Amino acid sequence: MDMIYRSTRGGAKEVTASQAILQGLAPDGGLYVPTSMPKLTKTMSELSQMTYRETAFEVLSLFLTDYTAEELKACIDAAYDSKFDTEEIAPLVQADGAYYLELFHGATIAFKDMALSILPHLMTTAARKNGIKDEIVILTATSGDTGKAALAGFADVPGTKIIVFYPKHGVSAVQERQMVTQKGDNTCVIGITGNFDDAQTGVKKMFGDAELAAELAGKGYRFSSANSINIGRLVPQIVYYTYAYAKLLAEGHIADGEKINVTVPTGNFGNILAAYYAKKIGVPIDKLICASNTNKVLFDFFETGTYDRNREFVLTSSPSMDILISSNLERLIYHIAGDDSAVTAALMKNLTEGGRYDITGEMRARLSDFCSGYATEEDTAEAIRTLYDRTGYVIDPHTAVASFVYRKYAASSHDAARTVIASTASPFKFARSVMAAIDGKASDEDDFALIDRLSATANVALPAAIVELKTAPVRHDIVCETADMKQEVRRFLDR
């Protein structure tokens, strides 16, 4: 039976998986969600004997039912290949009592590679399946990592173009250099003078602009999204939580059926939502620990039931989490509202118009799978330093936020369940923050000198993605106001 997807806001017709992937955002501004939640057809014992690619097939088959087995296997094989620097794709590293799920072994050394390596193949396959002749224009806002991973995934893919907007002063130096040096005649990278939320809001407005859509359709283009609002981004993320549990079981760290906890550093809520979906399909997960940085809008939501973006926006050492509008939370809101699109639409209208909304007591009761915490900048640095001092293992600031929150949760709850921490980026992407945390010194060294010093400190070879950056020329240098984002899209497509 085919899996069907509907909008969280109820104003769009139901679609197949491939149609949802092509559209990205539903026409009514909502996000696509499955009409029912599938269940794993293989036992965890069976999954424990599988490779990452085999696990991906089992999970994707549940959600992407209008793709044939051959199509899915082709997409998986094209995605999870030699661009990953480890055969395991997502290794688990035990350090100081927790299990770090390393999701940064792809081409851009961040967890976004895990989904964005496969999305272009899912999307171009979907276009063929649905008879789409228009060129697909990927329009994306990034807080740091999605942009580069999407650019790398779609670069020179026939029938596609990709335009990425990022906050000019809101990403790390390495993150920015990764984007502005991107090759590919079909790629465009634009800095904006605002923050990530400004970029994301601008992109959403363009998706909802019927006049712009008609104009582009006349030129043979149609928009789609590579942000985590696209169900084609979310479903591949469910895979690595399934794989992590199976890996723990295979290595004898847990018994079959024993529940684990998962801690995720969270900004846009997509990564932890994937863990929630993994639990729903049958992975034995108990607590989903949502870790926020100083921009703790999600922490406050879980604590109070009020989502309020009306607050100071803080630039931190974990920039991919510097987000006040967590788009994927809308999917969770829909589910805890009893899959009620009218309730969801009303709450999202409140968010748009007033910057906040309040959920009911009944909805709050359905959040029992989650607990939350946050880390200050000092906490984040302490987590990096403490883990390094105890074990020699080095983590990036986003992972450090999760590590700190996990330790605080474990100490206060006395919950001794095995815990997987999503390690979302290589420390080499944030060498300045990592080295400052380890040695306590501010440095005037350039970023690549710091990277070399981090390599020596951590006793880890530089990833190929970093080595290539040292000599890569800048290819994208446009910076615009948020009001000019639409004009820049037109300019690129009219070249």
Protein backbone atom coordinates (compact mmCIF):
# COMPACT_ATOMS: atom_id res chain seq x y z
CA MET A 1 0.00 0.00 0.00
CA ASP A 2 1.39 3.39 -1.02
CA MET A 3 2.37 5.84 1.71
CA ILE A 4 0.48 9.10 1.22
CA TYR A 5 1.55 12.51 2.50
CA ARG A 6 -0.59 15.46 3.59
CA SER A 7 0.15 19.02 4.60
CA THR A 8 0.33 19.88 8.30
CA ARG A 9 -2.01 22.81 7.53
CA GLY A 10 -4.66 20.89 5.60
CA GLY A 11 -4.98 23.24 2.65
CA ALA A 12 -3.26 21.14 0.00
CA LYS A 13 -4.19 17.89 -1.68
CA GLU A 14 -2.59 14.64 -0.55
CA VAL A 15 0.41 13.48 -2.57
CA THR A 16 2.75 10.52 -3.02
CA ALA A 17 6.25 10.47 -1.58
CA SER A 18 7.88 11.43 -4.88
CA GLN A 19 5.45 14.33 -5.32
CA ALA A 20 6.13 15.55 -1.78
CA ILE A 21 9.87 15.42 -2.42
CA LEU A 22 9.49 17.41 -5.64
CA GLN A 23 7.38 20.11 -4.01
CA GLY A 24 9.40 20.42 -0.81
CA LEU A 25 6.96 22.80 0.88
CA ALA A 26 3.21 22.22 0.52
CA PRO A 27 1.34 24.91 -1.46
CA ASP A 28 -0.50 26.05 1.69
CA GLY A 29 2.82 26.70 3.47
CA GLY A 30 2.62 23.52 5.53
CA LEU A 31 5.04 20.61 5.72
CA TYR A 32 4.33 17.16 4.33
CA VAL A 33 3.81 14.37 6.87
CA PRO A 34 2.85 10.71 6.34
CA THR A 35 -0.84 9.99 6.82
CA SER A 36 0.11 6.96 8.92
CA MET A 37 3.32 5.82 10.55
CA PRO A 38 4.81 2.60 9.13
CA LYS A 39 6.54 -0.05 11.22
CA LEU A 40 9.87 -1.76 10.62
CA THR A 41 9.44 -5.10 8.87
CA LYS A 42 12.81 -6.42 10.02
CA THR A 43 13.67 -7.17 13.65
CA MET A 44 16.46 -5.23 15.34
CA SER A 45 18.40 -8.50 15.43
CA GLU A 46 18.11 -8.76 11.64
CA LEU A 47 19.03 -5.10 11.20
CA SER A 48 22.10 -5.58 13.40
CA GLN A 49 23.60 -7.75 10.67
CA MET A 50 23.11 -5.13 7.96
CA THR A 51 25.38 -2.47 6.48
CA TYR A 52 24.40 1.18 6.48
CA ARG A 53 23.23 0.93 2.87
CA GLU A 54 21.10 -2.13 3.63
CA THR A 55 19.58 -0.38 6.64
CA ALA A 56 18.84 2.66 4.47
CA PHE A 57 16.92 0.48 2.05
CA GLU A 58 14.80 -1.03 4.83
CA VAL A 59 13.85 2.39 6.24
CA LEU A 60 13.39 4.26 2.97
CA SER A 61 11.20 1.45 1.62
CA LEU A 62 8.71 2.13 4.41
CA PHE A 63 8.26 5.80 3.59
CA LEU A 64 9.01 6.15 -0.13
CA THR A 65 6.61 3.52 -1.38
CA ASP A 66 6.10 4.82 -4.90
CA TYR A 67 9.80 4.27 -5.65
CA THR A 68 10.67 0.81 -6.90
CA ALA A 69 13.24 -1.30 -5.05
CA GLU A 70 15.63 -0.82 -7.96
CA GLU A 71 15.20 2.96 -7.88
CA LEU A 72 15.80 3.15 -4.14
CA LYS A 73 18.87 0.94 -4.31
CA ALA A 74 20.30 3.05 -7.14
CA CYS A 75 19.76 6.24 -5.11
CA ILE A 76 21.33 4.68 -2.00
CA ASP A 77 24.36 3.34 -3.88
CA ALA A 78 24.95 6.69 -5.57
CA ALA A 79 24.71 8.55 -2.25
CA TYR A 80 26.66 6.42 0.23
CA ASP A 81 29.78 5.73 -1.75
CA SER A 82 33.44 6.76 -1.68
CA LYS A 83 32.57 10.38 -0.88
CA PHE A 84 32.32 9.13 2.71
CA ASP A 85 35.73 8.61 4.30
CA THR A 86 34.69 5.57 6.32
CA GLU A 87 33.08 2.35 5.11
CA GLU A 88 30.68 2.42 8.08
CA ILE A 89 29.23 5.76 6.86
CA ALA A 90 28.16 6.64 10.44
CA PRO A 91 30.60 5.19 13.03
CA LEU A 92 29.77 5.01 16.73
CA VAL A 93 32.57 6.11 19.07
CA GLN A 94 32.38 5.33 22.77
CA ALA A 95 33.81 8.12 24.90
CA ASP A 96 33.35 8.87 28.60
CA GLY A 97 30.24 6.75 29.00
CA ALA A 98 28.29 7.87 25.93
CA TYR A 99 28.22 6.80 22.29
CA TYR A 100 28.97 9.52 19.76
CA LEU A 101 27.29 8.86 16.42
CA GLU A 102 29.70 10.49 13.97
CA LEU A 103 27.59 11.93 11.18
CA PHE A 104 30.35 14.02 9.59
CA HIS A 105 32.26 11.63 7.36
CA GLY A 106 30.76 12.88 4.09
CA ALA A 107 31.99 15.37 1.54
CA THR A 108 31.26 18.48 3.62
CA ILE A 109 32.09 17.01 7.06
CA ALA A 110 28.70 17.71 8.63
CA PHE A 111 25.59 15.64 9.31
CA LYS A 112 23.66 17.30 6.48
CA ASP A 113 25.64 15.06 4.09
CA MET A 114 23.76 12.06 5.42
CA ALA A 115 20.53 13.23 3.77
CA LEU A 116 21.77 15.66 1.14
CA SER A 117 23.92 13.02 -0.52
CA ILE A 118 20.77 11.12 -1.46
CA LEU A 119 18.22 13.91 -1.94
CA PRO A 120 19.38 14.91 -5.47
CA HIS A 121 18.99 11.30 -6.60
CA LEU A 122 15.58 10.97 -4.96
CA MET A 123 14.51 14.24 -6.55
CA THR A 124 15.69 13.57 -10.10
CA THR A 125 14.15 10.10 -9.91
CA ALA A 126 10.92 11.70 -8.70
CA ALA A 127 10.95 14.13 -11.63
CA ARG A 128 11.23 11.25 -14.11
CA LYS A 129 8.47 9.31 -12.32
CA ASN A 130 6.11 12.29 -12.47
CA GLY A 131 6.88 13.38 -16.04
CA ILE A 132 8.41 16.69 -14.97
CA LYS A 133 10.21 18.44 -17.83
CA ASP A 134 10.90 21.75 -16.04
CA GLU A 135 14.33 22.38 -14.57
CA ILE A 136 14.23 22.03 -10.76
CA VAL A 137 15.51 25.08 -8.89
CA ILE A 138 16.60 24.22 -5.36
CA LEU A 139 16.06 27.25 -3.16
CA THR A 140 17.62 26.94 0.29
CA ALA A 141 18.44 28.97 3.37
CA THR A 142 21.27 27.73 5.55
CA SER A 143 22.57 28.40 9.04
CA GLY A 144 25.90 26.92 8.01
CA ASP A 145 25.93 23.27 7.02
CA THR A 146 22.84 22.61 4.89
CA GLY A 147 24.05 25.05 2.25
CA LYS A 148 27.36 23.40 1.50
CA ALA A 149 25.94 19.89 1.70
CA ALA A 150 23.12 20.82 -0.69
CA LEU A 151 25.55 22.55 -3.05
CA ALA A 152 27.82 19.53 -3.08
CA GLY A 153 24.88 17.20 -3.65
CA PHE A 154 23.31 19.13 -6.53
CA ALA A 155 26.44 20.54 -8.22
CA ASP A 156 26.28 19.75 -11.96
CA VAL A 157 23.30 17.39 -11.51
CA PRO A 158 21.49 17.60 -14.89
CA GLY A 159 18.07 19.24 -14.79
CA THR A 160 18.75 21.17 -11.58
CA LYS A 161 19.99 24.53 -10.35
CA ILE A 162 20.65 25.43 -6.73
CA ILE A 163 20.58 28.81 -4.99
CA VAL A 164 21.73 29.05 -1.36
CA PHE A 165 21.24 32.04 0.95
CA TYR A 166 23.27 32.30 4.15
CA PRO A 167 23.74 34.96 6.88
CA LYS A 168 26.93 36.76 5.86
CA HIS A 169 28.10 37.24 9.45
CA GLY A 170 26.40 34.22 11.00
CA VAL A 171 28.53 31.22 9.92
CA SER A 172 32.05 30.08 10.70
CA ALA A 173 34.93 31.04 8.43
CA VAL A 174 35.28 27.45 7.23
CA GLN A 175 31.55 27.12 6.62
CA GLU A 176 31.55 30.27 4.52
CA ARG A 177 34.64 29.27 2.57
CA GLN A 178 33.14 25.88 1.83
CA MET A 179 30.15 27.58 0.22
CA VAL A 180 31.77 30.45 -1.65
CA THR A 181 34.32 28.15 -3.29
CA GLN A 182 31.68 25.69 -4.54
CA LYS A 183 32.15 24.51 -8.11
CA GLY A 184 29.34 23.84 -10.57
CA ASP A 185 27.79 26.00 -13.27
CA ASN A 186 24.36 25.38 -11.78
CA THR A 187 25.27 26.69 -8.30
CA CYS A 188 24.71 30.13 -6.77
CA VAL A 189 25.64 31.26 -3.25
CA ILE A 190 24.42 34.58 -1.81
CA GLY A 191 25.18 36.12 1.57
CA ILE A 192 22.47 38.24 3.17
CA THR A 193 22.92 41.04 5.68
CA GLY A 194 20.41 39.51 8.13
CA ASN A 195 20.42 36.33 10.21
CA PHE A 196 19.35 32.78 9.36
CA ASP A 197 15.72 33.40 10.28
CA ASP A 198 15.67 36.33 7.83
CA ALA A 199 17.08 34.07 5.10
CA GLN A 200 14.62 31.28 5.88
CA THR A 201 11.66 33.68 5.94
CA GLY A 202 12.73 35.14 2.59
CA VAL A 203 12.94 31.69 1.04
CA LYS A 204 9.53 30.69 2.41
CA LYS A 205 8.01 33.87 0.96
CA MET A 206 9.37 33.00 -2.47
CA PHE A 207 7.91 29.51 -2.20
CA GLY A 208 4.52 31.06 -1.46
CA ASP A 209 4.75 33.70 -4.23
CA ALA A 210 2.29 32.55 -6.91
CA GLU A 211 3.27 35.37 -9.26
CA LEU A 212 6.95 34.41 -9.08
CA ALA A 213 6.08 30.73 -9.59
CA ALA A 214 4.09 31.58 -12.74
CA GLU A 215 6.90 33.77 -14.02
CA LEU A 216 9.47 31.00 -13.55
CA ALA A 217 7.17 28.33 -14.97
CA GLY A 218 7.04 30.40 -18.16
CA LYS A 219 10.82 30.08 -18.32
CA GLY A 220 10.81 26.32 -17.65
CA TYR A 221 11.68 26.39 -13.93
CA ARG A 222 10.02 25.10 -10.76
CA PHE A 223 11.11 25.59 -7.16
CA SER A 224 11.89 22.83 -4.71
CA SER A 225 13.67 22.78 -1.37
CA ALA A 226 16.68 21.01 0.08
CA ASN A 227 16.01 22.30 3.60
CA SER A 228 14.88 19.86 6.24
CA ILE A 229 11.30 20.95 5.52
CA ASN A 230 11.55 18.54 2.55
CA ILE A 231 10.39 15.06 3.53
CA GLY A 232 13.19 13.74 1.29
CA ARG A 233 15.64 15.25 3.78
CA LEU A 234 13.88 13.97 6.87
CA VAL A 235 13.37 10.31 5.94
CA PRO A 236 17.08 9.54 5.26
CA GLN A 237 17.87 10.94 8.72
CA ILE A 238 15.69 8.26 10.32
CA VAL A 239 18.15 5.73 8.92
CA TYR A 240 21.11 6.63 11.10
CA TYR A 241 19.21 6.36 14.36
CA THR A 242 17.97 2.93 13.29
CA TYR A 243 21.54 1.99 12.32
CA ALA A 244 22.96 3.30 15.62
CA TYR A 245 20.66 1.08 17.67
CA ALA A 246 21.43 -1.93 15.47
CA LYS A 247 25.16 -1.21 15.82
CA LEU A 248 24.95 -1.07 19.62
CA LEU A 249 23.12 -4.40 19.54
CA ALA A 250 25.62 -5.98 17.13
CA GLU A 251 28.55 -4.93 19.34
CA GLY A 252 26.92 -6.28 22.50
CA HIS A 253 26.50 -2.92 24.24
CA ILE A 254 22.76 -3.47 24.67
CA ALA A 255 20.35 -6.39 24.76
CA ASP A 256 17.73 -6.81 22.05
CA GLY A 257 14.79 -4.57 22.94
CA GLU A 258 16.69 -2.60 25.58
CA LYS A 259 15.76 1.07 25.29
CA ILE A 260 18.35 3.75 24.64
CA ASN A 261 18.25 7.53 24.92
CA VAL A 262 19.20 9.87 22.09
CA THR A 263 20.61 13.38 22.57
CA VAL A 264 20.53 15.76 19.62
CA PRO A 265 21.89 19.32 19.29
CA THR A 266 18.90 21.04 17.81
CA GLY A 267 18.15 24.25 15.92
CA ASN A 268 15.62 23.68 13.14
CA PHE A 269 14.30 20.51 14.87
CA GLY A 270 14.70 18.22 11.86
CA ASN A 271 17.44 16.00 13.28
CA ILE A 272 15.65 15.23 16.53
CA LEU A 273 12.33 14.84 14.69
CA ALA A 274 14.01 12.07 12.68
CA ALA A 275 14.87 10.35 15.98
CA TYR A 276 11.21 10.73 17.04
CA TYR A 277 10.12 9.10 13.78
CA ALA A 278 12.68 6.32 14.35
CA LYS A 279 11.02 5.64 17.70
CA LYS A 280 7.59 5.65 16.07
CA ILE A 281 8.59 3.01 13.49
CA GLY A 282 9.85 0.67 16.20
CA VAL A 283 13.41 1.55 17.21
CA PRO A 284 13.57 1.04 21.02
CA ILE A 285 14.26 4.65 22.02
CA ASP A 286 13.13 6.01 25.38
CA LYS A 287 14.03 9.67 25.91
CA LEU A 288 14.70 12.16 23.14
CA ILE A 289 16.92 14.80 24.74
CA CYS A 290 16.65 18.11 22.91
CA ALA A 291 19.83 20.17 23.36
CA SER A 292 19.77 23.93 22.68
CA ASN A 293 22.43 26.61 22.78
CA THR A 294 21.94 30.13 24.16
CA ASN A 295 19.17 30.66 21.57
CA LYS A 296 17.06 28.36 23.71
CA VAL A 297 13.66 28.84 22.07
CA LEU A 298 13.10 25.05 21.98
CA PHE A 299 14.17 24.55 25.59
CA ASP A 300 11.69 27.20 26.69
CA PHE A 301 8.97 25.59 24.57
CA PHE A 302 9.41 22.19 26.20
CA GLU A 303 9.56 23.78 29.63
CA THR A 304 6.50 26.05 29.28
CA GLY A 305 4.39 24.98 26.29
CA THR A 306 4.91 28.43 24.77
CA TYR A 307 6.91 28.93 21.60
CA ASP A 308 8.13 32.52 21.49
CA ARG A 309 10.63 33.81 18.98
CA ASN A 310 10.36 37.36 20.32
CA ARG A 311 13.77 37.47 21.93
CA GLU A 312 17.34 38.55 21.31
CA PHE A 313 19.10 36.58 18.58
CA VAL A 314 22.55 35.51 19.79
CA LEU A 315 25.49 34.54 17.58
CA THR A 316 27.25 31.59 19.21
CA SER A 317 30.09 29.15 18.60
CA SER A 318 27.45 26.65 17.38
CA PRO A 319 26.03 28.72 14.49
CA SER A 320 23.97 25.95 12.87
CA MET A 321 21.77 26.13 15.99
CA ASP A 322 21.42 29.91 15.98
CA ILE A 323 17.76 29.70 15.03
CA LEU A 324 14.61 31.22 16.54
CA ILE A 325 12.09 29.74 14.08
CA SER A 326 12.42 25.96 14.23
CA SER A 327 10.54 25.01 11.07
CA ASN A 328 10.39 21.25 11.63
CA LEU A 329 8.71 21.69 14.99
CA GLU A 330 5.53 22.22 12.97
CA ARG A 331 5.48 18.50 12.16
CA LEU A 332 5.64 17.60 15.86
CA ILE A 333 2.94 20.15 16.65
CA TYR A 334 0.72 18.46 14.07
CA HIS A 335 1.28 15.05 15.64
CA ILE A 336 0.70 16.14 19.26
CA ALA A 337 -2.45 17.96 18.11
CA GLY A 338 -3.79 14.54 17.11
CA ASP A 339 -2.91 15.07 13.43
CA ASP A 340 -5.25 18.07 13.44
CA SER A 341 -4.31 20.40 10.58
CA ALA A 342 -6.74 23.15 11.65
CA VAL A 343 -5.08 23.43 15.06
CA THR A 344 -1.64 23.40 13.46
CA ALA A 345 -2.56 26.07 10.89
CA ALA A 346 -3.95 28.33 13.61
CA LEU A 347 -0.81 28.01 15.74
CA MET A 348 1.45 28.69 12.76
CA LYS A 349 -0.65 31.76 11.93
CA ASN A 350 -0.09 32.99 15.49
CA LEU A 351 3.65 32.45 15.03
CA THR A 352 3.69 34.40 11.78
CA GLU A 353 1.58 37.27 13.04
CA GLY A 354 2.69 37.58 16.65
CA GLY A 355 5.87 35.55 16.88
CA ARG A 356 4.51 33.09 19.42
CA TYR A 357 1.93 30.43 20.19
CA ASP A 358 0.75 28.38 23.16
CA ILE A 359 -0.12 24.68 23.02
CA THR A 360 -2.83 23.08 25.15
CA GLY A 361 -2.25 21.01 28.26
CA GLU A 362 -3.34 17.92 26.35
CA MET A 363 -0.73 18.61 23.67
CA ARG A 364 1.94 19.15 26.32
CA ALA A 365 1.11 15.75 27.80
CA ARG A 366 1.98 14.20 24.45
CA LEU A 367 5.52 15.57 24.68
CA SER A 368 6.54 12.97 27.26
CA ASP A 369 9.02 11.39 24.82
CA PHE A 370 11.10 14.57 25.05
CA CYS A 371 13.17 16.31 27.66
CA SER A 372 15.35 19.34 27.08
CA GLY A 373 18.31 21.34 28.22
CA TYR A 374 20.60 24.07 27.02
CA ALA A 375 24.25 25.02 27.17
CA THR A 376 25.75 28.48 27.48
CA GLU A 377 28.92 29.38 25.61
CA GLU A 378 30.90 28.64 28.77
CA ASP A 379 29.15 25.26 29.13
CA THR A 380 29.94 24.41 25.51
CA ALA A 381 33.64 25.18 25.88
CA GLU A 382 33.73 23.23 29.16
CA ALA A 383 32.21 20.18 27.46
CA ILE A 384 34.85 20.24 24.70
CA ARG A 385 37.69 20.67 27.18
CA THR A 386 36.43 18.09 29.68
CA LEU A 387 35.90 15.36 27.10
CA TYR A 388 39.33 16.02 25.58
CA ASP A 389 41.05 16.02 28.97
CA ARG A 390 39.39 12.75 30.00
CA THR A 391 39.63 10.82 26.74
CA GLY A 392 41.58 12.70 24.07
CA TYR A 393 38.42 12.72 21.94
CA VAL A 394 37.65 16.06 20.29
CA ILE A 395 34.14 17.25 19.43
CA ASP A 396 32.79 20.34 17.71
CA PRO A 397 30.70 23.01 19.52
CA HIS A 398 27.32 21.66 18.34
CA THR A 399 28.13 18.18 19.61
CA ALA A 400 29.48 19.78 22.78
CA VAL A 401 26.09 21.42 23.42
CA ALA A 402 24.52 17.95 23.27
CA SER A 403 27.28 16.43 25.41
CA PHE A 404 26.82 19.03 28.14
CA VAL A 405 23.03 18.70 28.14
CA TYR A 406 23.28 14.90 28.27
CA ARG A 407 25.64 14.97 31.28
CA LYS A 408 23.39 17.42 33.11
CA TYR A 409 20.33 15.27 32.36
CA ALA A 410 22.05 12.05 33.47
CA ALA A 411 23.24 13.64 36.71
CA SER A 412 19.82 15.05 37.64
CA SER A 413 17.66 12.12 36.50
CA HIS A 414 19.97 9.23 37.43
CA ASP A 415 18.85 7.68 34.12
CA ALA A 416 21.56 5.12 33.31
CA ALA A 417 20.24 4.15 29.86
CA ARG A 418 22.81 3.83 27.10
CA THR A 419 22.84 7.13 25.26
CA VAL A 420 23.66 8.00 21.68
CA ILE A 421 24.77 11.59 21.08
CA ALA A 422 24.38 12.88 17.55
CA SER A 423 27.81 14.25 16.61
CA THR A 424 26.81 16.63 13.88
CA ALA A 425 30.01 18.22 12.57
CA SER A 426 33.72 17.68 12.38
CA PRO A 427 35.68 19.74 14.91
CA PHE A 428 37.80 20.95 11.98
CA LYS A 429 34.88 23.10 10.80
CA PHE A 430 35.10 25.04 14.06
CA ALA A 431 38.81 24.88 14.85
CA ARG A 432 38.96 28.34 16.41
CA SER A 433 36.26 27.60 18.99
CA VAL A 434 37.55 24.09 19.64
CA MET A 435 41.18 25.11 20.19
CA ALA A 436 40.13 28.04 22.40
CA ALA A 437 38.15 25.59 24.53
CA ILE A 438 41.02 23.10 24.76
CA ASP A 439 43.88 25.47 25.54
CA GLY A 440 41.91 28.42 26.93
CA LYS A 441 43.61 30.91 24.63
CA ALA A 442 42.31 33.35 22.07
CA SER A 443 44.42 33.07 18.93
CA ASP A 444 45.30 35.46 16.14
CA GLU A 445 46.36 32.55 13.93
CA ASP A 446 44.50 32.19 10.65
CA ASP A 447 41.89 29.47 10.45
CA PHE A 448 44.03 27.02 8.52
CA ALA A 449 46.92 27.35 10.97
CA LEU A 450 44.45 26.57 13.75
CA ILE A 451 43.16 23.60 11.79
CA ASP A 452 46.68 22.23 11.48
CA ARG A 453 47.23 22.70 15.21
CA LEU A 454 43.94 20.96 15.99
CA SER A 455 45.00 18.04 13.80
CA ALA A 456 48.18 17.67 15.85
CA THR A 457 46.32 18.11 19.15
CA ALA A 458 43.62 15.57 18.33
CA ASN A 459 46.04 13.25 16.50
CA VAL A 460 43.56 13.07 13.61
CA ALA A 461 44.44 13.52 9.95
CA LEU A 462 42.84 16.44 8.13
CA PRO A 463 39.72 15.47 6.18
CA ALA A 464 40.05 15.78 2.41
CA ALA A 465 37.31 18.42 2.43
CA ILE A 466 39.53 20.70 4.54
CA VAL A 467 42.69 20.05 2.54
CA GLU A 468 40.92 21.06 -0.67
CA LEU A 469 39.71 24.33 0.85
CA LYS A 470 43.22 25.64 1.38
CA THR A 471 43.73 26.41 -2.31
CA ALA A 472 40.14 26.63 -3.61
CA PRO A 473 39.33 29.94 -5.36
CA VAL A 474 36.30 32.04 -4.35
CA ARG A 475 33.57 31.66 -6.99
CA HIS A 476 30.60 33.35 -5.27
CA ASP A 477 30.83 36.83 -3.77
CA ILE A 478 27.31 38.32 -3.89
CA VAL A 479 25.89 39.87 -0.71
CA CYS A 480 22.37 41.37 -0.66
CA GLU A 481 19.69 42.78 1.61
CA THR A 482 16.83 40.43 2.46
CA ALA A 483 14.49 42.61 0.41
CA ASP A 484 16.59 41.87 -2.69
CA MET A 485 16.62 38.06 -2.43
CA LYS A 486 13.93 37.59 -5.09
CA GLN A 487 15.77 39.86 -7.52
CA GLU A 488 18.98 37.89 -7.05
CA VAL A 489 17.12 34.66 -7.85
CA ARG A 490 15.81 36.21 -11.06
CA ARG A 491 19.27 37.49 -11.97
CA PHE A 492 20.86 34.04 -11.60
CA LEU A 493 18.14 32.23 -13.53
CA ASP A 494 18.24 34.81 -16.34
CA ARG A 495 21.97 34.39 -16.95
